Amino acid sequence: MLKHIRVFMVEDDPDWIKAMTAFLNREEDLLVVGAATNAEEAIGLARTLDFDIVLMDIQLSDQGHDGIYTAMEVHDIHPAKIIMLTSMQDEQTMTKAFTAGAINYLDKTRYLELPHAIRAAYHHPTAMEALLKEFARLKREEQLKELTVAEREVFELIEEGYTQTQIEKKLFKAESTLKNQVNKILKKFGVRSSKEAIEKVRKRGLHNPKEER
């Protein structure tokens, strides 16, 4: 029996969802298993659906590139392959899409290429995944470069879940010294807590305007 490649679609235009679902389901090895029209719905469905590929619209509303942040959230819940769909071709948007973990980026006018893109992402992801892994490492290094060696050592222990007391014992630091280093780390990241610092590095510096509301 032929195994379907299960596709999850995230798109704010119901007509596009309807048309693409019919188009993709005509392919004998593809099956659209669900669709969401906004970020909240996408994140909710990601927790319950079983899928292999996500087709993510880069603009889910008039809030800008919210599909990029949604892609990152969905990927954290369910690490499927993400293909970003857009009508925008600027380099900065493309870079953000790959920073969020997308393995392909396709203009909506090229929708006829979608079946091939889905199969390629599902069957042959290795080369792109290796590039994305290296890209993620470079983005992390870019964010941590302002920290001193000692500060980075502290940050990485915080990241691993160590408490302040445990870090003091592990690194033989006085409480005042450690507090001073943590404060410097927070200042360099422009955040108010260790949790925010970890989140900022985890999101590779991507900034979601909605989070400030």
C-alpha atoms as a PDB file:
ATOM      1  CA  MET A   1       0.000   0.000   0.000  1.00  0.00           C
ATOM      2  CA  LEU A   2       1.326   3.432  -0.972  1.00  0.00           C
ATOM      3  CA  LYS A   3       2.257   5.585   2.023  1.00  0.00           C
ATOM      4  CA  HIS A   4       0.925   9.120   1.790  1.00  0.00           C
ATOM      5  CA  ILE A   5       3.075  12.154   2.503  1.00  0.00           C
ATOM      6  CA  ARG A   6       0.866  13.986   4.988  1.00  0.00           C
ATOM      7  CA  VAL A   7       0.610  17.725   4.402  1.00  0.00           C
ATOM      8  CA  PHE A   8      -0.504  20.396   6.887  1.00  0.00           C
ATOM      9  CA  MET A   9      -1.432  23.728   5.302  1.00  0.00           C
ATOM     10  CA  VAL A  10      -1.341  27.103   7.091  1.00  0.00           C
ATOM     11  CA  GLU A  11      -2.859  29.874   4.968  1.00  0.00           C
ATOM     12  CA  ASP A  12      -5.212  32.799   5.691  1.00  0.00           C
ATOM     13  CA  ASP A  13      -7.048  32.531   2.360  1.00  0.00           C
ATOM     14  CA  PRO A  14      -9.764  29.804   2.520  1.00  0.00           C
ATOM     15  CA  ASP A  15     -10.059  29.774  -1.291  1.00  0.00           C
ATOM     16  CA  TRP A  16      -6.338  29.012  -1.628  1.00  0.00           C
ATOM     17  CA  ILE A  17      -6.680  26.205   0.944  1.00  0.00           C
ATOM     18  CA  LYS A  18      -9.619  24.724  -0.958  1.00  0.00           C
ATOM     19  CA  ALA A  19      -7.879  24.948  -4.342  1.00  0.00           C
ATOM     20  CA  MET A  20      -4.517  23.608  -3.112  1.00  0.00           C
ATOM     21  CA  THR A  21      -6.157  20.784  -1.141  1.00  0.00           C
ATOM     22  CA  ALA A  22      -7.946  19.609  -4.297  1.00  0.00           C
ATOM     23  CA  PHE A  23      -4.771  20.064  -6.369  1.00  0.00           C
ATOM     24  CA  LEU A  24      -2.479  18.153  -3.982  1.00  0.00           C
ATOM     25  CA  ASN A  25      -4.954  15.396  -3.170  1.00  0.00           C
ATOM     26  CA  ARG A  26      -5.057  14.495  -6.876  1.00  0.00           C
ATOM     27  CA  GLU A  27      -1.485  13.235  -6.422  1.00  0.00           C
ATOM     28  CA  GLU A  28      -1.634   9.594  -5.380  1.00  0.00           C
ATOM     29  CA  ASP A  29       1.158   9.923  -2.790  1.00  0.00           C
ATOM     30  CA  LEU A  30       0.064  13.237  -1.211  1.00  0.00           C
ATOM     31  CA  LEU A  31      -2.679  13.869   1.346  1.00  0.00           C
ATOM     32  CA  VAL A  32      -3.667  17.170   2.979  1.00  0.00           C
ATOM     33  CA  VAL A  33      -4.501  16.122   6.552  1.00  0.00           C
ATOM     34  CA  GLY A  34      -5.415  19.528   7.939  1.00  0.00           C
ATOM     35  CA  ALA A  35      -5.442  23.282   7.413  1.00  0.00           C
ATOM     36  CA  ALA A  36      -5.309  26.362   9.628  1.00  0.00           C
ATOM     37  CA  THR A  37      -6.109  29.960   8.729  1.00  0.00           C
ATOM     38  CA  ASN A  38      -4.197  31.754  11.507  1.00  0.00           C
ATOM     39  CA  ALA A  39      -1.263  31.334  13.901  1.00  0.00           C
ATOM     40  CA  GLU A  40      -3.309  30.263  16.938  1.00  0.00           C
ATOM     41  CA  GLU A  41      -5.172  27.605  14.976  1.00  0.00           C
ATOM     42  CA  ALA A  42      -1.921  26.352  13.442  1.00  0.00           C
ATOM     43  CA  ILE A  43      -0.232  25.968  16.833  1.00  0.00           C
ATOM     44  CA  GLY A  44      -3.309  24.189  18.231  1.00  0.00           C
ATOM     45  CA  LEU A  45      -3.544  21.756  15.315  1.00  0.00           C
ATOM     46  CA  ALA A  46       0.208  21.078  15.416  1.00  0.00           C
ATOM     47  CA  ARG A  47      -0.357  19.492  18.843  1.00  0.00           C
ATOM     48  CA  THR A  48      -2.987  17.048  17.564  1.00  0.00           C
ATOM     49  CA  LEU A  49      -2.324  16.388  13.864  1.00  0.00           C
ATOM     50  CA  ASP A  50       0.143  13.857  12.487  1.00  0.00           C
ATOM     51  CA  PHE A  51       1.916  15.341   9.452  1.00  0.00           C
ATOM     52  CA  ASP A  52       5.184  15.221   7.520  1.00  0.00           C
ATOM     53  CA  ILE A  53       5.253  18.535   5.652  1.00  0.00           C
ATOM     54  CA  VAL A  54       3.998  22.027   6.510  1.00  0.00           C
ATOM     55  CA  LEU A  55       3.060  24.510   3.789  1.00  0.00           C
ATOM     56  CA  MET A  56       3.274  27.825   5.638  1.00  0.00           C
ATOM     57  CA  ASP A  57       2.119  31.144   4.212  1.00  0.00           C
ATOM     58  CA  ILE A  58       4.647  33.800   5.196  1.00  0.00           C
ATOM     59  CA  GLN A  59       1.895  36.411   5.741  1.00  0.00           C
ATOM     60  CA  LEU A  60      -1.016  35.072   7.780  1.00  0.00           C
ATOM     61  CA  SER A  61      -2.433  38.516   8.508  1.00  0.00           C
ATOM     62  CA  ASP A  62      -1.625  42.200   8.069  1.00  0.00           C
ATOM     63  CA  GLN A  63       0.924  41.898  10.898  1.00  0.00           C
ATOM     64  CA  GLY A  64       3.847  41.330   8.535  1.00  0.00           C
ATOM     65  CA  HIS A  65       5.817  38.092   8.452  1.00  0.00           C
ATOM     66  CA  ASP A  66       3.866  36.312  11.201  1.00  0.00           C
ATOM     67  CA  GLY A  67       4.077  33.027   9.277  1.00  0.00           C
ATOM     68  CA  ILE A  68       7.803  32.976  10.057  1.00  0.00           C
ATOM     69  CA  TYR A  69       7.222  33.046  13.833  1.00  0.00           C
ATOM     70  CA  THR A  70       4.360  30.563  13.492  1.00  0.00           C
ATOM     71  CA  ALA A  71       6.676  28.230  11.571  1.00  0.00           C
ATOM     72  CA  MET A  72       9.153  28.293  14.445  1.00  0.00           C
ATOM     73  CA  GLU A  73       6.432  27.572  17.024  1.00  0.00           C
ATOM     74  CA  VAL A  74       4.952  24.751  14.939  1.00  0.00           C
ATOM     75  CA  HIS A  75       8.416  23.260  14.369  1.00  0.00           C
ATOM     76  CA  ASP A  76       9.084  23.244  18.123  1.00  0.00           C
ATOM     77  CA  ILE A  77       5.868  21.266  18.679  1.00  0.00           C
ATOM     78  CA  HIS A  78       6.161  18.938  15.690  1.00  0.00           C
ATOM     79  CA  PRO A  79       9.517  18.864  13.840  1.00  0.00           C
ATOM     80  CA  ALA A  80       8.160  18.355  10.330  1.00  0.00           C
ATOM     81  CA  LYS A  81       9.701  19.761   7.134  1.00  0.00           C
ATOM     82  CA  ILE A  82       8.503  23.322   6.444  1.00  0.00           C
ATOM     83  CA  ILE A  83       8.036  24.891   3.021  1.00  0.00           C
ATOM     84  CA  MET A  84       7.312  28.623   3.138  1.00  0.00           C
ATOM     85  CA  LEU A  85       4.885  30.007   0.564  1.00  0.00           C
ATOM     86  CA  THR A  86       4.921  33.667  -0.376  1.00  0.00           C
ATOM     87  CA  SER A  87       4.566  36.307  -3.028  1.00  0.00           C
ATOM     88  CA  MET A  88       7.524  38.216  -1.538  1.00  0.00           C
ATOM     89  CA  GLN A  89      11.006  37.796  -2.967  1.00  0.00           C
ATOM     90  CA  ASP A  90      13.224  40.057  -0.861  1.00  0.00           C
ATOM     91  CA  GLU A  91      16.405  38.497   0.493  1.00  0.00           C
ATOM     92  CA  GLN A  92      15.781  39.491   4.128  1.00  0.00           C
ATOM     93  CA  THR A  93      12.439  37.660   4.184  1.00  0.00           C
ATOM     94  CA  MET A  94      14.031  34.558   2.676  1.00  0.00           C
ATOM     95  CA  THR A  95      16.801  34.614   5.289  1.00  0.00           C
ATOM     96  CA  LYS A  96      14.253  34.907   8.107  1.00  0.00           C
ATOM     97  CA  ALA A  97      12.304  31.963   6.688  1.00  0.00           C
ATOM     98  CA  PHE A  98      15.402  29.743   6.747  1.00  0.00           C
ATOM     99  CA  THR A  99      16.310  31.043  10.204  1.00  0.00           C
ATOM    100  CA  ALA A 100      12.892  29.802  11.363  1.00  0.00           C
ATOM    101  CA  GLY A 101      13.757  26.323  10.068  1.00  0.00           C
ATOM    102  CA  ALA A 102      12.119  26.262   6.627  1.00  0.00           C
ATOM    103  CA  ILE A 103      13.849  23.934   4.173  1.00  0.00           C
ATOM    104  CA  ASN A 104      12.338  25.526   1.062  1.00  0.00           C
ATOM    105  CA  TYR A 105      10.798  28.817  -0.014  1.00  0.00           C
ATOM    106  CA  LEU A 106       8.385  28.902  -2.936  1.00  0.00           C
ATOM    107  CA  ASP A 107       6.537  31.713  -4.692  1.00  0.00           C
ATOM    108  CA  LYS A 108       2.789  31.037  -4.767  1.00  0.00           C
ATOM    109  CA  THR A 109       2.688  31.662  -8.508  1.00  0.00           C
ATOM    110  CA  ARG A 110       4.834  28.520  -8.867  1.00  0.00           C
ATOM    111  CA  TYR A 111       2.257  26.306  -7.143  1.00  0.00           C
ATOM    112  CA  LEU A 112       2.562  23.711  -9.921  1.00  0.00           C
ATOM    113  CA  GLU A 113       5.982  22.904  -8.464  1.00  0.00           C
ATOM    114  CA  LEU A 114       4.504  22.106  -5.039  1.00  0.00           C
ATOM    115  CA  PRO A 115       4.138  18.316  -5.489  1.00  0.00           C
ATOM    116  CA  HIS A 116       7.804  18.070  -6.514  1.00  0.00           C
ATOM    117  CA  ALA A 117       8.888  20.402  -3.661  1.00  0.00           C
ATOM    118  CA  ILE A 118       6.925  18.340  -1.115  1.00  0.00           C
ATOM    119  CA  ARG A 119       8.428  15.061  -2.342  1.00  0.00           C
ATOM    120  CA  ALA A 120      11.938  16.526  -2.388  1.00  0.00           C
ATOM    121  CA  ALA A 121      11.544  17.840   1.178  1.00  0.00           C
ATOM    122  CA  TYR A 122      10.200  14.503   2.388  1.00  0.00           C
ATOM    123  CA  HIS A 123      12.546  12.109   0.576  1.00  0.00           C
ATOM    124  CA  HIS A 124      15.784  14.082   0.196  1.00  0.00           C
ATOM    125  CA  PRO A 125      16.109  16.578   3.051  1.00  0.00           C
ATOM    126  CA  THR A 126      19.646  15.698   4.132  1.00  0.00           C
ATOM    127  CA  ALA A 127      21.716  18.338   2.306  1.00  0.00           C
ATOM    128  CA  MET A 128      19.407  21.226   3.204  1.00  0.00           C
ATOM    129  CA  GLU A 129      19.087  20.056   6.799  1.00  0.00           C
ATOM    130  CA  ALA A 130      22.874  20.007   7.120  1.00  0.00           C
ATOM    131  CA  LEU A 131      23.027  23.571   5.814  1.00  0.00           C
ATOM    132  CA  LEU A 132      20.261  24.670   8.198  1.00  0.00           C
ATOM    133  CA  LYS A 133      22.027  23.046  11.143  1.00  0.00           C
ATOM    134  CA  GLU A 134      25.194  24.966  10.304  1.00  0.00           C
ATOM    135  CA  PHE A 135      23.151  28.145   9.755  1.00  0.00           C
ATOM    136  CA  ALA A 136      21.554  27.706  13.200  1.00  0.00           C
ATOM    137  CA  ARG A 137      25.006  27.216  14.748  1.00  0.00           C
ATOM    138  CA  LEU A 138      26.300  30.402  13.098  1.00  0.00           C
ATOM    139  CA  LYS A 139      23.223  32.369  14.256  1.00  0.00           C
ATOM    140  CA  ARG A 140      23.837  31.111  17.809  1.00  0.00           C
ATOM    141  CA  GLU A 141      27.510  32.113  17.666  1.00  0.00           C
ATOM    142  CA  GLU A 142      26.493  35.510  16.323  1.00  0.00           C
ATOM    143  CA  GLN A 143      24.256  36.041  19.372  1.00  0.00           C
ATOM    144  CA  LEU A 144      26.799  34.776  21.906  1.00  0.00           C
ATOM    145  CA  LYS A 145      29.832  36.621  20.494  1.00  0.00           C
ATOM    146  CA  GLU A 146      29.369  39.615  22.845  1.00  0.00           C
ATOM    147  CA  LEU A 147      29.748  37.396  25.921  1.00  0.00           C
ATOM    148  CA  THR A 148      33.121  36.840  27.558  1.00  0.00           C
ATOM    149  CA  VAL A 149      34.359  33.260  27.967  1.00  0.00           C
ATOM    150  CA  ALA A 150      33.282  33.290  31.633  1.00  0.00           C
ATOM    151  CA  GLU A 151      29.850  34.767  30.827  1.00  0.00           C
ATOM    152  CA  ARG A 152      29.260  32.212  28.106  1.00  0.00           C
ATOM    153  CA  GLU A 153      30.130  29.397  30.508  1.00  0.00           C
ATOM    154  CA  VAL A 154      27.517  30.747  32.946  1.00  0.00           C
ATOM    155  CA  PHE A 155      24.903  31.232  30.212  1.00  0.00           C
ATOM    156  CA  GLU A 156      25.319  27.691  28.881  1.00  0.00           C
ATOM    157  CA  LEU A 157      24.842  26.241  32.371  1.00  0.00           C
ATOM    158  CA  ILE A 158      21.684  28.340  32.832  1.00  0.00           C
ATOM    159  CA  GLU A 159      20.554  27.049  29.433  1.00  0.00           C
ATOM    160  CA  GLU A 160      21.109  23.467  30.625  1.00  0.00           C
ATOM    161  CA  GLY A 161      18.830  24.099  33.627  1.00  0.00           C
ATOM    162  CA  TYR A 162      21.364  24.626  36.418  1.00  0.00           C
ATOM    163  CA  THR A 163      20.197  26.769  39.357  1.00  0.00           C
ATOM    164  CA  GLN A 164      22.239  29.704  40.612  1.00  0.00           C
ATOM    165  CA  THR A 165      23.378  27.698  43.655  1.00  0.00           C
ATOM    166  CA  GLN A 166      24.453  24.780  41.452  1.00  0.00           C
ATOM    167  CA  ILE A 167      26.399  27.129  39.155  1.00  0.00           C
ATOM    168  CA  GLU A 168      28.144  28.733  42.134  1.00  0.00           C
ATOM    169  CA  LYS A 169      29.310  25.293  43.316  1.00  0.00           C
ATOM    170  CA  LYS A 170      30.220  23.993  39.860  1.00  0.00           C
ATOM    171  CA  LEU A 171      32.269  27.050  38.874  1.00  0.00           C
ATOM    172  CA  PHE A 172      33.500  27.903  42.399  1.00  0.00           C
ATOM    173  CA  LYS A 173      32.054  31.414  42.160  1.00  0.00           C
ATOM    174  CA  ALA A 174      30.900  33.729  44.922  1.00  0.00           C
ATOM    175  CA  GLU A 175      27.189  34.647  44.855  1.00  0.00           C
ATOM    176  CA  SER A 176      27.982  38.324  44.161  1.00  0.00           C
ATOM    177  CA  THR A 177      30.335  37.439  41.275  1.00  0.00           C
ATOM    178  CA  LEU A 178      27.742  35.199  39.636  1.00  0.00           C
ATOM    179  CA  LYS A 179      24.951  37.771  40.038  1.00  0.00           C
ATOM    180  CA  ASN A 180      27.174  40.402  38.459  1.00  0.00           C
ATOM    181  CA  GLN A 181      27.934  38.126  35.487  1.00  0.00           C
ATOM    182  CA  VAL A 182      24.261  37.228  35.013  1.00  0.00           C
ATOM    183  CA  ASN A 183      23.323  40.928  35.036  1.00  0.00           C
ATOM    184  CA  LYS A 184      25.959  41.630  32.373  1.00  0.00           C
ATOM    185  CA  ILE A 185      24.606  38.758  30.250  1.00  0.00           C
ATOM    186  CA  LEU A 186      21.039  40.108  30.493  1.00  0.00           C
ATOM    187  CA  LYS A 187      22.217  43.612  29.588  1.00  0.00           C
ATOM    188  CA  LYS A 188      24.102  42.367  26.523  1.00  0.00           C
ATOM    189  CA  PHE A 189      21.028  40.441  25.333  1.00  0.00           C
ATOM    190  CA  GLY A 190      18.718  43.379  26.122  1.00  0.00           C
ATOM    191  CA  VAL A 191      16.405  41.207  28.228  1.00  0.00           C
ATOM    192  CA  ARG A 192      15.094  41.212  31.802  1.00  0.00           C
ATOM    193  CA  SER A 193      15.491  37.586  32.840  1.00  0.00           C
ATOM    194  CA  SER A 194      17.522  34.453  32.186  1.00  0.00           C
ATOM    195  CA  LYS A 195      14.410  32.829  30.730  1.00  0.00           C
ATOM    196  CA  GLU A 196      14.089  35.656  28.165  1.00  0.00           C
ATOM    197  CA  ALA A 197      17.794  35.327  27.299  1.00  0.00           C
ATOM    198  CA  ILE A 198      17.440  31.590  26.632  1.00  0.00           C
ATOM    199  CA  GLU A 199      14.290  32.202  24.573  1.00  0.00           C
ATOM    200  CA  LYS A 200      16.027  34.867  22.493  1.00  0.00           C
ATOM    201  CA  VAL A 201      18.914  32.536  21.643  1.00  0.00           C
ATOM    202  CA  ARG A 202      16.508  29.638  20.981  1.00  0.00           C
ATOM    203  CA  LYS A 203      14.613  31.816  18.494  1.00  0.00           C
ATOM    204  CA  ARG A 204      17.937  32.755  16.839  1.00  0.00           C
ATOM    205  CA  GLY A 205      17.268  36.454  17.306  1.00  0.00           C
ATOM    206  CA  LEU A 206      13.971  36.432  15.397  1.00  0.00           C
ATOM    207  CA  HIS A 207      11.707  39.125  16.753  1.00  0.00           C
ATOM    208  CA  ASN A 208       7.928  38.789  16.835  1.00  0.00           C
ATOM    209  CA  PRO A 209       6.215  42.204  17.227  1.00  0.00           C
ATOM    210  CA  LYS A 210       3.100  40.524  18.651  1.00  0.00           C
ATOM    211  CA  GLU A 211       5.026  39.480  21.775  1.00  0.00           C
ATOM    212  CA  GLU A 212       5.376  43.096  22.840  1.00  0.00           C
ATOM    213  CA  ARG A 213       1.647  43.792  22.893  1.00  0.00           C
END
